[in-house]
Amino acid sequence: MRRHAPGRTEETPFPLTGEQGRCGLGPRLPLLVISPFAKHNAVDHNLSDQSSMIDFVEYNWGLPGIPGSFDQALAGKDASEGVPFDLAGLLEFGGKANGKLLLNPVTGEKLTN
């Protein structure tokens, strides 16, 4: 007898296949990208969610998508918006990377060099 992970049977080897996004988007979460490759003073209005980070990793390192994951459910929307992955509107890899931003640990204000 073949063993399967919980929820898997011979007839349904991948029980979540075809049920992408079955729980909806859930509560809104703010996303702040801190990176030398973040676009300067930019706000992106593309739809992103918790799976957007996984989507970025899959895109950036050429990994296959996880079957049944919500980022795969949104792949068609990304294509219609002309973006390769959810967070593409926040990042810019082609130009010069941003320098360091040093903040005052007490006030949070930008330190001048």
PDB file of N, CA and C in Angstrom:
ATOM      1  N   MET A   1       0.837  -1.185   0.000  1.00  0.00           N
ATOM      2  CA  MET A   1       0.000   0.000   0.000  1.00  0.00           C
ATOM      3  C   MET A   1       0.882   1.250   0.000  1.00  0.00           C
ATOM      4  N   ARG A   2       0.564   2.211  -0.899  1.00  0.00           N
ATOM      5  CA  ARG A   2       1.329   3.448  -0.960  1.00  0.00           C
ATOM      6  C   ARG A   2       0.925   4.377   0.165  1.00  0.00           C
ATOM      7  N   ARG A   3       1.920   5.024   0.747  1.00  0.00           N
ATOM      8  CA  ARG A   3       1.627   5.999   1.796  1.00  0.00           C
ATOM      9  C   ARG A   3       1.550   7.383   1.182  1.00  0.00           C
ATOM     10  N   HIS A   4       0.673   8.209   1.712  1.00  0.00           N
ATOM     11  CA  HIS A   4       0.501   9.574   1.248  1.00  0.00           C
ATOM     12  C   HIS A   4       0.470  10.501   2.444  1.00  0.00           C
ATOM     13  N   ALA A   5       0.729  11.762   2.181  1.00  0.00           N
ATOM     14  CA  ALA A   5       0.604  12.776   3.229  1.00  0.00           C
ATOM     15  C   ALA A   5      -0.859  12.856   3.649  1.00  0.00           C
ATOM     16  N   PRO A   6      -1.143  13.404   4.847  1.00  0.00           N
ATOM     17  CA  PRO A   6      -2.530  13.521   5.291  1.00  0.00           C
ATOM     18  C   PRO A   6      -3.381  14.245   4.250  1.00  0.00           C
ATOM     19  N   GLY A   7      -4.567  13.702   3.963  1.00  0.00           N
ATOM     20  CA  GLY A   7      -5.467  14.308   2.998  1.00  0.00           C
ATOM     21  C   GLY A   7      -5.269  13.831   1.580  1.00  0.00           C
ATOM     22  N   ARG A   8      -4.191  13.073   1.324  1.00  0.00           N
ATOM     23  CA  ARG A   8      -3.922  12.591  -0.024  1.00  0.00           C
ATOM     24  C   ARG A   8      -4.339  11.141  -0.147  1.00  0.00           C
ATOM     25  N   THR A   9      -4.917  10.811  -1.269  1.00  0.00           N
ATOM     26  CA  THR A   9      -5.292   9.429  -1.563  1.00  0.00           C
ATOM     27  C   THR A   9      -4.831   9.108  -2.968  1.00  0.00           C
ATOM     28  N   GLU A  10      -4.997   7.869  -3.378  1.00  0.00           N
ATOM     29  CA  GLU A  10      -4.648   7.480  -4.751  1.00  0.00           C
ATOM     30  C   GLU A  10      -5.437   8.307  -5.761  1.00  0.00           C
ATOM     31  N   GLU A  11      -6.714   8.583  -5.473  1.00  0.00           N
ATOM     32  CA  GLU A  11      -7.563   9.315  -6.408  1.00  0.00           C
ATOM     33  C   GLU A  11      -7.257  10.810  -6.404  1.00  0.00           C
ATOM     34  N   THR A  12      -6.863  11.357  -5.259  1.00  0.00           N
ATOM     35  CA  THR A  12      -6.575  12.787  -5.165  1.00  0.00           C
ATOM     36  C   THR A  12      -5.173  12.999  -4.611  1.00  0.00           C
ATOM     37  N   PRO A  13      -4.146  12.864  -5.460  1.00  0.00           N
ATOM     38  CA  PRO A  13      -2.787  13.020  -4.965  1.00  0.00           C
ATOM     39  C   PRO A  13      -2.475  14.442  -4.488  1.00  0.00           C
ATOM     40  N   PHE A  14      -3.192  15.443  -5.002  1.00  0.00           N
ATOM     41  CA  PHE A  14      -3.001  16.824  -4.575  1.00  0.00           C
ATOM     42  C   PHE A  14      -4.367  17.399  -4.223  1.00  0.00           C
ATOM     43  N   PRO A  15      -4.810  17.266  -2.965  1.00  0.00           N
ATOM     44  CA  PRO A  15      -6.180  17.608  -2.599  1.00  0.00           C
ATOM     45  C   PRO A  15      -6.535  19.085  -2.775  1.00  0.00           C
ATOM     46  N   LEU A  16      -5.562  19.986  -2.789  1.00  0.00           N
ATOM     47  CA  LEU A  16      -5.886  21.411  -2.908  1.00  0.00           C
ATOM     48  C   LEU A  16      -5.846  21.902  -4.350  1.00  0.00           C
ATOM     49  N   THR A  17      -5.468  21.043  -5.288  1.00  0.00           N
ATOM     50  CA  THR A  17      -5.408  21.444  -6.680  1.00  0.00           C
ATOM     51  C   THR A  17      -6.789  21.883  -7.138  1.00  0.00           C
ATOM     52  N   GLY A  18      -6.834  23.034  -7.807  1.00  0.00           N
ATOM     53  CA  GLY A  18      -8.103  23.541  -8.309  1.00  0.00           C
ATOM     54  C   GLY A  18      -8.885  24.365  -7.313  1.00  0.00           C
ATOM     55  N   GLU A  19      -8.388  24.494  -6.097  1.00  0.00           N
ATOM     56  CA  GLU A  19      -9.093  25.274  -5.083  1.00  0.00           C
ATOM     57  C   GLU A  19      -8.258  26.467  -4.657  1.00  0.00           C
ATOM     58  N   GLN A  20      -7.622  27.109  -5.612  1.00  0.00           N
ATOM     59  CA  GLN A  20      -6.747  28.237  -5.307  1.00  0.00           C
ATOM     60  C   GLN A  20      -7.543  29.391  -4.723  1.00  0.00           C
ATOM     61  N   GLY A  21      -7.003  29.996  -3.701  1.00  0.00           N
ATOM     62  CA  GLY A  21      -7.628  31.157  -3.111  1.00  0.00           C
ATOM     63  C   GLY A  21      -8.959  30.874  -2.458  1.00  0.00           C
ATOM     64  N   ARG A  22      -9.157  29.697  -1.955  1.00  0.00           N
ATOM     65  CA  ARG A  22     -10.464  29.301  -1.437  1.00  0.00           C
ATOM     66  C   ARG A  22     -10.882  30.102  -0.209  1.00  0.00           C
ATOM     67  N   CYS A  23      -9.953  30.781   0.457  1.00  0.00           N
ATOM     68  CA  CYS A  23     -10.302  31.534   1.659  1.00  0.00           C
ATOM     69  C   CYS A  23     -10.376  33.038   1.413  1.00  0.00           C
ATOM     70  N   GLY A  24     -10.099  33.504   0.219  1.00  0.00           N
ATOM     71  CA  GLY A  24     -10.148  34.938  -0.064  1.00  0.00           C
ATOM     72  C   GLY A  24      -8.912  35.661   0.425  1.00  0.00           C
ATOM     73  N   LEU A  25      -8.936  36.979   0.361  1.00  0.00           N
ATOM     74  CA  LEU A  25      -7.754  37.776   0.680  1.00  0.00           C
ATOM     75  C   LEU A  25      -7.557  38.039   2.160  1.00  0.00           C
ATOM     76  N   GLY A  26      -8.583  38.054   2.963  1.00  0.00           N
ATOM     77  CA  GLY A  26      -8.419  38.300   4.390  1.00  0.00           C
ATOM     78  C   GLY A  26      -8.170  39.769   4.686  1.00  0.00           C
ATOM     79  N   PRO A  27      -7.681  40.086   5.885  1.00  0.00           N
ATOM     80  CA  PRO A  27      -7.489  41.487   6.263  1.00  0.00           C
ATOM     81  C   PRO A  27      -6.364  42.136   5.462  1.00  0.00           C
ATOM     82  N   ARG A  28      -6.465  43.436   5.299  1.00  0.00           N
ATOM     83  CA  ARG A  28      -5.423  44.177   4.592  1.00  0.00           C
ATOM     84  C   ARG A  28      -4.220  44.355   5.501  1.00  0.00           C
ATOM     85  N   LEU A  29      -3.044  44.168   4.917  1.00  0.00           N
ATOM     86  CA  LEU A  29      -1.801  44.316   5.666  1.00  0.00           C
ATOM     87  C   LEU A  29      -0.913  45.324   4.954  1.00  0.00           C
ATOM     88  N   PRO A  30      -0.383  46.305   5.664  1.00  0.00           N
ATOM     89  CA  PRO A  30       0.531  47.243   5.005  1.00  0.00           C
ATOM     90  C   PRO A  30       1.834  46.529   4.654  1.00  0.00           C
ATOM     91  N   LEU A  31       2.455  46.949   3.579  1.00  0.00           N
ATOM     92  CA  LEU A  31       3.721  46.357   3.149  1.00  0.00           C
ATOM     93  C   LEU A  31       4.702  47.477   2.896  1.00  0.00           C
ATOM     94  N   LEU A  32       5.795  47.454   3.588  1.00  0.00           N
ATOM     95  CA  LEU A  32       6.855  48.435   3.426  1.00  0.00           C
ATOM     96  C   LEU A  32       8.086  47.689   2.935  1.00  0.00           C
ATOM     97  N   VAL A  33       8.594  48.072   1.773  1.00  0.00           N
ATOM     98  CA  VAL A  33       9.772  47.412   1.211  1.00  0.00           C
ATOM     99  C   VAL A  33      10.991  48.262   1.533  1.00  0.00           C
ATOM    100  N   ILE A  34      11.931  47.667   2.249  1.00  0.00           N
ATOM    101  CA  ILE A  34      13.187  48.335   2.573  1.00  0.00           C
ATOM    102  C   ILE A  34      14.284  47.563   1.864  1.00  0.00           C
ATOM    103  N   SER A  35      14.813  48.169   0.831  1.00  0.00           N
ATOM    104  CA  SER A  35      15.789  47.481  -0.007  1.00  0.00           C
ATOM    105  C   SER A  35      16.582  48.518  -0.796  1.00  0.00           C
ATOM    106  N   PRO A  36      17.834  48.225  -1.119  1.00  0.00           N
ATOM    107  CA  PRO A  36      18.571  49.125  -2.016  1.00  0.00           C
ATOM    108  C   PRO A  36      17.926  49.184  -3.405  1.00  0.00           C
ATOM    109  N   PHE A  37      17.056  48.226  -3.715  1.00  0.00           N
ATOM    110  CA  PHE A  37      16.417  48.168  -5.024  1.00  0.00           C
ATOM    111  C   PHE A  37      14.973  48.678  -5.001  1.00  0.00           C
ATOM    112  N   ALA A  38      14.519  49.202  -3.854  1.00  0.00           N
ATOM    113  CA  ALA A  38      13.167  49.759  -3.771  1.00  0.00           C
ATOM    114  C   ALA A  38      13.114  51.057  -4.560  1.00  0.00           C
ATOM    115  N   LYS A  39      12.009  51.288  -5.263  1.00  0.00           N
ATOM    116  CA  LYS A  39      11.837  52.543  -5.986  1.00  0.00           C
ATOM    117  C   LYS A  39      11.744  53.677  -4.975  1.00  0.00           C
ATOM    118  N   HIS A  40      12.405  54.775  -5.279  1.00  0.00           N
ATOM    119  CA  HIS A  40      12.472  55.924  -4.385  1.00  0.00           C
ATOM    120  C   HIS A  40      11.129  56.656  -4.357  1.00  0.00           C
ATOM    121  N   ASN A  41      10.579  56.886  -3.173  1.00  0.00           N
ATOM    122  CA  ASN A  41       9.316  57.617  -2.977  1.00  0.00           C
ATOM    123  C   ASN A  41       8.181  57.081  -3.838  1.00  0.00           C
ATOM    124  N   ALA A  42       8.050  55.790  -3.928  1.00  0.00           N
ATOM    125  CA  ALA A  42       7.032  55.191  -4.790  1.00  0.00           C
ATOM    126  C   ALA A  42       5.947  54.506  -3.973  1.00  0.00           C
ATOM    127  N   VAL A  43       4.733  54.561  -4.483  1.00  0.00           N
ATOM    128  CA  VAL A  43       3.606  53.819  -3.933  1.00  0.00           C
ATOM    129  C   VAL A  43       3.092  52.935  -5.056  1.00  0.00           C
ATOM    130  N   ASP A  44       2.957  51.651  -4.781  1.00  0.00           N
ATOM    131  CA  ASP A  44       2.484  50.707  -5.792  1.00  0.00           C
ATOM    132  C   ASP A  44       1.052  50.325  -5.476  1.00  0.00           C
ATOM    133  N   HIS A  45       0.193  50.344  -6.472  1.00  0.00           N
ATOM    134  CA  HIS A  45      -1.218  50.034  -6.256  1.00  0.00           C
ATOM    135  C   HIS A  45      -1.593  48.659  -6.795  1.00  0.00           C
ATOM    136  N   ASN A  46      -0.602  47.844  -7.197  1.00  0.00           N
ATOM    137  CA  ASN A  46      -0.893  46.479  -7.631  1.00  0.00           C
ATOM    138  C   ASN A  46      -1.315  45.652  -6.424  1.00  0.00           C
ATOM    139  N   LEU A  47      -2.194  44.687  -6.662  1.00  0.00           N
ATOM    140  CA  LEU A  47      -2.661  43.810  -5.601  1.00  0.00           C
ATOM    141  C   LEU A  47      -1.509  42.926  -5.121  1.00  0.00           C
ATOM    142  N   SER A  48      -1.269  42.931  -3.834  1.00  0.00           N
ATOM    143  CA  SER A  48      -0.277  42.026  -3.247  1.00  0.00           C
ATOM    144  C   SER A  48      -0.874  41.434  -1.980  1.00  0.00           C
ATOM    145  N   ASP A  49      -0.343  40.302  -1.574  1.00  0.00           N
ATOM    146  CA  ASP A  49      -0.809  39.643  -0.361  1.00  0.00           C
ATOM    147  C   ASP A  49       0.375  38.900   0.249  1.00  0.00           C
ATOM    148  N   GLN A  50       0.117  38.060   1.231  1.00  0.00           N
ATOM    149  CA  GLN A  50       1.215  37.369   1.895  1.00  0.00           C
ATOM    150  C   GLN A  50       1.974  36.433   0.962  1.00  0.00           C
ATOM    151  N   SER A  51       1.317  35.953  -0.071  1.00  0.00           N
ATOM    152  CA  SER A  51       2.006  35.066  -1.011  1.00  0.00           C
ATOM    153  C   SER A  51       2.874  35.838  -2.003  1.00  0.00           C
ATOM    154  N   SER A  52       2.802  37.165  -1.975  1.00  0.00           N
ATOM    155  CA  SER A  52       3.591  37.969  -2.905  1.00  0.00           C
ATOM    156  C   SER A  52       5.089  37.779  -2.693  1.00  0.00           C
ATOM    157  N   MET A  53       5.512  37.564  -1.451  1.00  0.00           N
ATOM    158  CA  MET A  53       6.934  37.337  -1.188  1.00  0.00           C
ATOM    159  C   MET A  53       7.381  36.011  -1.802  1.00  0.00           C
ATOM    160  N   ILE A  54       6.534  35.000  -1.691  1.00  0.00           N
ATOM    161  CA  ILE A  54       6.843  33.702  -2.306  1.00  0.00           C
ATOM    162  C   ILE A  54       6.899  33.862  -3.824  1.00  0.00           C
ATOM    163  N   ASP A  55       5.965  34.612  -4.374  1.00  0.00           N
ATOM    164  CA  ASP A  55       5.925  34.875  -5.810  1.00  0.00           C
ATOM    165  C   ASP A  55       7.214  35.552  -6.259  1.00  0.00           C
ATOM    166  N   PHE A  56       7.707  36.528  -5.488  1.00  0.00           N
ATOM    167  CA  PHE A  56       8.962  37.210  -5.818  1.00  0.00           C
ATOM    168  C   PHE A  56      10.140  36.234  -5.817  1.00  0.00           C
ATOM    169  N   VAL A  57      10.229  35.389  -4.808  1.00  0.00           N
ATOM    170  CA  VAL A  57      11.320  34.420  -4.727  1.00  0.00           C
ATOM    171  C   VAL A  57      11.270  33.461  -5.922  1.00  0.00           C
ATOM    172  N   GLU A  58      10.081  32.981  -6.259  1.00  0.00           N
ATOM    173  CA  GLU A  58       9.933  32.083  -7.410  1.00  0.00           C
ATOM    174  C   GLU A  58      10.390  32.772  -8.688  1.00  0.00           C
ATOM    175  N   TYR A  59       9.983  34.034  -8.871  1.00  0.00           N
ATOM    176  CA  TYR A  59      10.354  34.775 -10.076  1.00  0.00           C
ATOM    177  C   TYR A  59      11.857  35.055 -10.112  1.00  0.00           C
ATOM    178  N   ASN A  60      12.386  35.586  -9.024  1.00  0.00           N
ATOM    179  CA  ASN A  60      13.775  36.043  -8.992  1.00  0.00           C
ATOM    180  C   ASN A  60      14.776  34.909  -9.171  1.00  0.00           C
ATOM    181  N   TRP A  61      14.486  33.757  -8.631  1.00  0.00           N
ATOM    182  CA  TRP A  61      15.420  32.633  -8.716  1.00  0.00           C
ATOM    183  C   TRP A  61      14.971  31.569  -9.721  1.00  0.00           C
ATOM    184  N   GLY A  62      13.958  31.878 -10.534  1.00  0.00           N
ATOM    185  CA  GLY A  62      13.521  30.968 -11.591  1.00  0.00           C
ATOM    186  C   GLY A  62      12.976  29.644 -11.084  1.00  0.00           C
ATOM    187  N   LEU A  63      12.286  29.684  -9.949  1.00  0.00           N
ATOM    188  CA  LEU A  63      11.730  28.460  -9.363  1.00  0.00           C
ATOM    189  C   LEU A  63      10.317  28.222  -9.880  1.00  0.00           C
ATOM    190  N   PRO A  64       9.883  26.980  -9.951  1.00  0.00           N
ATOM    191  CA  PRO A  64       8.507  26.716 -10.373  1.00  0.00           C
ATOM    192  C   PRO A  64       7.526  27.134  -9.273  1.00  0.00           C
ATOM    193  N   GLY A  65       6.318  27.501  -9.675  1.00  0.00           N
ATOM    194  CA  GLY A  65       5.292  27.878  -8.709  1.00  0.00           C
ATOM    195  C   GLY A  65       4.826  26.682  -7.906  1.00  0.00           C
ATOM    196  N   ILE A  66       4.300  26.948  -6.720  1.00  0.00           N
ATOM    197  CA  ILE A  66       3.766  25.897  -5.866  1.00  0.00           C
ATOM    198  C   ILE A  66       2.333  25.635  -6.297  1.00  0.00           C
ATOM    199  N   PRO A  67       2.010  24.428  -6.768  1.00  0.00           N
ATOM    200  CA  PRO A  67       0.636  24.154  -7.214  1.00  0.00           C
ATOM    201  C   PRO A  67      -0.374  24.395  -6.094  1.00  0.00           C
ATOM    202  N   GLY A  68      -1.437  25.119  -6.417  1.00  0.00           N
ATOM    203  CA  GLY A  68      -2.483  25.387  -5.442  1.00  0.00           C
ATOM    204  C   GLY A  68      -2.252  26.623  -4.600  1.00  0.00           C
ATOM    205  N   SER A  69      -1.115  27.303  -4.752  1.00  0.00           N
ATOM    206  CA  SER A  69      -0.857  28.488  -3.933  1.00  0.00           C
ATOM    207  C   SER A  69      -1.592  29.691  -4.504  1.00  0.00           C
ATOM    208  N   PHE A  70      -1.854  30.666  -3.665  1.00  0.00           N
ATOM    209  CA  PHE A  70      -2.645  31.812  -4.084  1.00  0.00           C
ATOM    210  C   PHE A  70      -1.905  32.669  -5.094  1.00  0.00           C
ATOM    211  N   ASP A  71      -0.569  32.707  -5.024  1.00  0.00           N
ATOM    212  CA  ASP A  71       0.157  33.500  -6.025  1.00  0.00           C
ATOM    213  C   ASP A  71      -0.035  32.921  -7.421  1.00  0.00           C
ATOM    214  N   GLN A  72      -0.264  31.615  -7.528  1.00  0.00           N
ATOM    215  CA  GLN A  72      -0.566  31.013  -8.826  1.00  0.00           C
ATOM    216  C   GLN A  72      -1.965  31.423  -9.298  1.00  0.00           C
ATOM    217  N   ALA A  73      -2.877  31.609  -8.360  1.00  0.00           N
ATOM    218  CA  ALA A  73      -4.232  32.047  -8.715  1.00  0.00           C
ATOM    219  C   ALA A  73      -4.207  33.462  -9.268  1.00  0.00           C
ATOM    220  N   LEU A  74      -3.262  34.287  -8.814  1.00  0.00           N
ATOM    221  CA  LEU A  74      -3.165  35.672  -9.265  1.00  0.00           C
ATOM    222  C   LEU A  74      -2.248  35.852 -10.473  1.00  0.00           C
ATOM    223  N   ALA A  75      -1.641  34.796 -10.980  1.00  0.00           N
ATOM    224  CA  ALA A  75      -0.706  34.900 -12.100  1.00  0.00           C
ATOM    225  C   ALA A  75      -1.360  35.535 -13.321  1.00  0.00           C
ATOM    226  N   GLY A  76      -2.604  35.196 -13.595  1.00  0.00           N
ATOM    227  CA  GLY A  76      -3.313  35.784 -14.732  1.00  0.00           C
ATOM    228  C   GLY A  76      -3.532  37.278 -14.557  1.00  0.00           C
ATOM    229  N   LYS A  77      -3.824  37.705 -13.331  1.00  0.00           N
ATOM    230  CA  LYS A  77      -4.011  39.131 -13.048  1.00  0.00           C
ATOM    231  C   LYS A  77      -2.704  39.879 -13.233  1.00  0.00           C
ATOM    232  N   ASP A  78      -1.591  39.304 -12.765  1.00  0.00           N
ATOM    233  CA  ASP A  78      -0.283  39.927 -12.961  1.00  0.00           C
ATOM    234  C   ASP A  78      -0.003  40.099 -14.451  1.00  0.00           C
ATOM    235  N   ALA A  79      -0.271  39.069 -15.233  1.00  0.00           N
ATOM    236  CA  ALA A  79      -0.030  39.125 -16.674  1.00  0.00           C
ATOM    237  C   ALA A  79      -0.891  40.207 -17.322  1.00  0.00           C
ATOM    238  N   SER A  80      -2.162  40.331 -16.894  1.00  0.00           N
ATOM    239  CA  SER A  80      -3.038  41.349 -17.483  1.00  0.00           C
ATOM    240  C   SER A  80      -2.600  42.760 -17.099  1.00  0.00           C
ATOM    241  N   GLU A  81      -1.949  42.901 -15.925  1.00  0.00           N
ATOM    242  CA  GLU A  81      -1.439  44.207 -15.492  1.00  0.00           C
ATOM    243  C   GLU A  81      -0.065  44.497 -16.074  1.00  0.00           C
ATOM    244  N   GLY A  82       0.532  43.508 -16.730  1.00  0.00           N
ATOM    245  CA  GLY A  82       1.850  43.700 -17.333  1.00  0.00           C
ATOM    246  C   GLY A  82       2.989  43.667 -16.339  1.00  0.00           C
ATOM    247  N   VAL A  83       2.796  42.997 -15.201  1.00  0.00           N
ATOM    248  CA  VAL A  83       3.873  42.873 -14.218  1.00  0.00           C
ATOM    249  C   VAL A  83       4.280  41.404 -14.120  1.00  0.00           C
ATOM    250  N   PRO A  84       5.593  41.121 -14.001  1.00  0.00           N
ATOM    251  CA  PRO A  84       6.025  39.730 -13.933  1.00  0.00           C
ATOM    252  C   PRO A  84       5.735  39.057 -12.597  1.00  0.00           C
ATOM    253  N   PHE A  85       5.618  39.844 -11.524  1.00  0.00           N
ATOM    254  CA  PHE A  85       5.290  39.321 -10.195  1.00  0.00           C
ATOM    255  C   PHE A  85       4.654  40.450  -9.390  1.00  0.00           C
ATOM    256  N   ASP A  86       3.963  40.112  -8.304  1.00  0.00           N
ATOM    257  CA  ASP A  86       3.169  41.081  -7.545  1.00  0.00           C
ATOM    258  C   ASP A  86       3.937  42.321  -7.099  1.00  0.00           C
ATOM    259  N   LEU A  87       5.161  42.164  -6.654  1.00  0.00           N
ATOM    260  CA  LEU A  87       5.918  43.271  -6.079  1.00  0.00           C
ATOM    261  C   LEU A  87       6.775  44.013  -7.088  1.00  0.00           C
ATOM    262  N   ALA A  88       6.601  43.742  -8.377  1.00  0.00           N
ATOM    263  CA  ALA A  88       7.433  44.354  -9.417  1.00  0.00           C
ATOM    264  C   ALA A  88       7.333  45.876  -9.419  1.00  0.00           C
ATOM    265  N   GLY A  89       6.182  46.408  -9.049  1.00  0.00           N
ATOM    266  CA  GLY A  89       6.013  47.854  -9.033  1.00  0.00           C
ATOM    267  C   GLY A  89       6.757  48.552  -7.911  1.00  0.00           C
ATOM    268  N   LEU A  90       7.288  47.797  -6.967  1.00  0.00           N
ATOM    269  CA  LEU A  90       8.016  48.382  -5.834  1.00  0.00           C
ATOM    270  C   LEU A  90       9.529  48.315  -5.990  1.00  0.00           C
ATOM    271  N   LEU A  91       9.996  47.488  -6.922  1.00  0.00           N
ATOM    272  CA  LEU A  91      11.430  47.247  -7.043  1.00  0.00           C
ATOM    273  C   LEU A  91      11.952  47.668  -8.409  1.00  0.00           C
ATOM    274  N   GLU A  92      13.227  48.063  -8.439  1.00  0.00           N
ATOM    275  CA  GLU A  92      13.867  48.481  -9.677  1.00  0.00           C
ATOM    276  C   GLU A  92      15.289  47.933  -9.672  1.00  0.00           C
ATOM    277  N   PHE A  93      15.536  46.923 -10.504  1.00  0.00           N
ATOM    278  CA  PHE A  93      16.832  46.257 -10.497  1.00  0.00           C
ATOM    279  C   PHE A  93      17.795  46.788 -11.552  1.00  0.00           C
ATOM    280  N   GLY A  94      17.314  47.545 -12.530  1.00  0.00           N
ATOM    281  CA  GLY A  94      18.135  47.933 -13.666  1.00  0.00           C
ATOM    282  C   GLY A  94      19.097  49.077 -13.421  1.00  0.00           C
ATOM    283  N   GLY A  95      18.817  49.962 -12.504  1.00  0.00           N
ATOM    284  CA  GLY A  95      19.648  51.149 -12.312  1.00  0.00           C
ATOM    285  C   GLY A  95      20.586  51.031 -11.125  1.00  0.00           C
ATOM    286  N   LYS A  96      21.062  52.183 -10.704  1.00  0.00           N
ATOM    287  CA  LYS A  96      21.953  52.252  -9.554  1.00  0.00           C
ATOM    288  C   LYS A  96      21.155  51.985  -8.273  1.00  0.00           C
ATOM    289  N   ALA A  97      21.694  51.160  -7.404  1.00  0.00           N
ATOM    290  CA  ALA A  97      21.024  50.850  -6.137  1.00  0.00           C
ATOM    291  C   ALA A  97      21.026  52.085  -5.233  1.00  0.00           C
ATOM    292  N   ASN A  98      19.991  52.208  -4.425  1.00  0.00           N
ATOM    293  CA  ASN A  98      19.919  53.301  -3.456  1.00  0.00           C
ATOM    294  C   ASN A  98      21.017  53.143  -2.414  1.00  0.00           C
ATOM    295  N   GLY A  99      21.474  54.279  -1.872  1.00  0.00           N
ATOM    296  CA  GLY A  99      22.482  54.241  -0.816  1.00  0.00           C
ATOM    297  C   GLY A  99      21.844  53.915   0.528  1.00  0.00           C
ATOM    298  N   LYS A 100      22.654  53.875   1.545  1.00  0.00           N
ATOM    299  CA  LYS A 100      22.148  53.602   2.891  1.00  0.00           C
ATOM    300  C   LYS A 100      21.341  54.787   3.403  1.00  0.00           C
ATOM    301  N   LEU A 101      20.308  54.490   4.143  1.00  0.00           N
ATOM    302  CA  LEU A 101      19.497  55.512   4.797  1.00  0.00           C
ATOM    303  C   LEU A 101      19.675  55.302   6.297  1.00  0.00           C
ATOM    304  N   LEU A 102      20.357  56.236   6.932  1.00  0.00           N
ATOM    305  CA  LEU A 102      20.610  56.129   8.369  1.00  0.00           C
ATOM    306  C   LEU A 102      19.605  56.995   9.114  1.00  0.00           C
ATOM    307  N   LEU A 103      18.993  56.404  10.138  1.00  0.00           N
ATOM    308  CA  LEU A 103      17.988  57.104  10.929  1.00  0.00           C
ATOM    309  C   LEU A 103      18.462  57.280  12.364  1.00  0.00           C
ATOM    310  N   ASN A 104      18.058  58.385  12.962  1.00  0.00           N
ATOM    311  CA  ASN A 104      18.332  58.634  14.365  1.00  0.00           C
ATOM    312  C   ASN A 104      17.516  57.629  15.167  1.00  0.00           C
ATOM    313  N   PRO A 105      18.156  56.813  16.019  1.00  0.00           N
ATOM    314  CA  PRO A 105      17.424  55.779  16.750  1.00  0.00           C
ATOM    315  C   PRO A 105      16.410  56.326  17.761  1.00  0.00           C
ATOM    316  N   VAL A 106      16.545  57.575  18.161  1.00  0.00           N
ATOM    317  CA  VAL A 106      15.621  58.158  19.127  1.00  0.00           C
ATOM    318  C   VAL A 106      14.430  58.813  18.430  1.00  0.00           C
ATOM    319  N   THR A 107      14.705  59.648  17.409  1.00  0.00           N
ATOM    320  CA  THR A 107      13.638  60.416  16.767  1.00  0.00           C
ATOM    321  C   THR A 107      13.124  59.777  15.480  1.00  0.00           C
ATOM    322  N   GLY A 108      13.923  58.922  14.850  1.00  0.00           N
ATOM    323  CA  GLY A 108      13.533  58.334  13.579  1.00  0.00           C
ATOM    324  C   GLY A 108      13.808  59.254  12.404  1.00  0.00           C
ATOM    325  N   GLU A 109      14.378  60.419  12.660  1.00  0.00           N
ATOM    326  CA  GLU A 109      14.675  61.357  11.582  1.00  0.00           C
ATOM    327  C   GLU A 109      15.903  60.898  10.809  1.00  0.00           C
ATOM    328  N   LYS A 110      15.983  61.340   9.558  1.00  0.00           N
ATOM    329  CA  LYS A 110      17.112  60.983   8.700  1.00  0.00           C
ATOM    330  C   LYS A 110      18.372  61.698   9.223  1.00  0.00           C
ATOM    331  N   LEU A 111      19.450  60.930   9.353  1.00  0.00           N
ATOM    332  CA  LEU A 111      20.728  61.500   9.750  1.00  0.00           C
ATOM    333  C   LEU A 111      21.415  62.059   8.522  1.00  0.00           C
ATOM    334  N   THR A 112      22.023  63.206   8.641  1.00  0.00           N
ATOM    335  CA  THR A 112      22.782  63.768   7.522  1.00  0.00           C
ATOM    336  C   THR A 112      24.203  63.299   7.602  1.00  0.00           C
ATOM    337  N   ASN A 113      24.779  63.088   6.438  1.00  0.00           N
ATOM    338  CA  ASN A 113      26.176  62.579   6.399  1.00  0.00           C
ATOM    339  C   ASN A 113      27.150  63.686   6.577  1.00  0.00           C
TER     340      ASN A 113
END
